[in-house]
């Protein structure tokens, strides 16, 4: 499902216009990263949790040259599915 299909499905599900559904989805995709950037986690009961995990620096290898390279430490978003989402899939 791409973004436009998601907007169509949301609009149909809540009986709203596609414009309102698109505004909601755009706001959601702005609010979640902003919260993560502040160090907060975003938790939706029975759906899942987004949080930031710190990945330590490590060594890697360039597959073309075999040269050892440094991979810097970074922060990565992590999504953990909630029980409701898991149950819906199984």
Protein backbone atom coordinates (compact mmCIF):
# COMPACT_ATOMS: atom_id res chain seq x y z
CA UNK A 1 0.00 0.00 0.00
CA UNK A 2 1.43 3.36 -0.96
CA UNK A 3 0.63 6.75 0.56
CA UNK A 4 -2.27 7.55 -1.78
CA UNK A 5 -3.87 4.15 -1.19
CA UNK A 6 -3.52 4.69 2.56
CA UNK A 7 -5.19 8.11 2.27
CA UNK A 8 -8.05 6.58 0.27
CA UNK A 9 -8.50 3.78 2.85
CA UNK A 10 -8.45 6.22 5.79
CA UNK A 11 -10.98 8.53 4.15
CA UNK A 12 -13.30 5.62 3.40
CA UNK A 13 -12.93 4.10 6.89
CA UNK A 14 -13.85 7.28 8.78
CA UNK A 15 -16.31 8.63 6.20
CA UNK A 16 -14.26 11.75 5.53
CA UNK A 17 -12.83 13.46 2.49
CA UNK A 18 -9.49 12.46 1.03
CA UNK A 19 -8.25 15.98 1.74
CA UNK A 20 -8.90 15.63 5.48
CA UNK A 21 -7.34 12.16 5.53
CA UNK A 22 -4.25 13.48 3.72
CA UNK A 23 -3.94 16.38 6.18
CA UNK A 24 -4.14 13.92 9.08
CA UNK A 25 -1.54 11.58 7.58
CA UNK A 26 0.83 14.48 6.81
CA UNK A 27 0.46 15.79 10.36
CA UNK A 28 1.10 12.30 11.77
CA UNK A 29 4.27 11.90 9.71
CA UNK A 30 5.50 15.27 11.00
CA UNK A 31 4.58 14.79 14.67
CA UNK A 32 6.13 11.33 15.13
CA UNK A 33 9.64 12.28 13.90
CA UNK A 34 9.50 15.54 15.89
CA UNK A 35 8.67 13.61 19.07
CA UNK A 36 11.44 11.08 18.41
CA UNK A 37 13.92 13.89 17.79
CA UNK A 38 13.07 15.32 21.23
CA UNK A 39 13.80 11.94 22.77
CA UNK A 40 10.19 10.94 23.39
CA UNK A 41 8.63 7.66 22.34
CA UNK A 42 5.28 7.46 20.56
CA UNK A 43 3.01 4.71 21.85
CA UNK A 44 -0.34 3.72 20.38
CA UNK A 45 -2.02 1.07 22.52
CA UNK A 46 -2.64 -2.24 20.71
CA UNK A 47 -0.75 -0.97 17.67
CA UNK A 48 2.88 -0.31 18.52
CA UNK A 49 5.64 1.94 19.78
CA UNK A 50 8.15 4.10 17.95
CA UNK A 51 11.34 4.95 19.83
CA UNK A 52 14.93 5.95 19.15
CA UNK A 53 17.73 3.46 19.69
CA UNK A 54 21.40 4.39 19.75
CA UNK A 55 23.62 2.27 17.53
CA UNK A 56 27.26 2.25 18.64
CA UNK A 57 30.15 2.87 16.27
CA UNK A 58 31.47 -0.26 14.62
CA UNK A 59 33.85 -1.49 11.98
CA UNK A 60 32.70 -2.66 8.59
CA UNK A 61 34.23 -3.86 5.38
CA UNK A 62 33.89 -2.37 1.91
CA UNK A 63 32.73 -5.36 -0.17
CA UNK A 64 34.41 -4.11 -3.36
CA UNK A 65 37.85 -3.41 -1.97
CA UNK A 66 37.87 -5.43 1.24
CA UNK A 67 39.06 -2.28 3.04
CA UNK A 68 38.06 -1.91 6.71
CA UNK A 69 35.94 1.19 7.33
CA UNK A 70 34.55 2.91 10.41
CA UNK A 71 30.79 3.08 10.73
CA UNK A 72 29.93 6.04 12.98
CA UNK A 73 27.52 5.82 15.91
CA UNK A 74 24.02 7.00 15.09
CA UNK A 75 20.44 7.11 16.29
CA UNK A 76 17.88 4.96 14.51
CA UNK A 77 14.11 4.81 14.76
CA UNK A 78 12.69 1.51 15.95
CA UNK A 79 9.10 0.30 15.74
CA UNK A 80 7.87 -2.45 18.01
CA UNK A 81 4.50 -3.96 17.12
CA UNK A 82 1.94 -4.09 19.89
CA UNK A 83 -0.14 -7.09 20.92
CA UNK A 84 -3.21 -5.95 19.01
CA UNK A 85 -1.27 -5.62 15.75
CA UNK A 86 0.42 -8.98 16.26
CA UNK A 87 -2.91 -10.65 17.03
CA UNK A 88 -4.51 -9.12 13.94
CA UNK A 89 -1.82 -10.72 11.77
CA UNK A 90 -1.93 -14.19 13.31
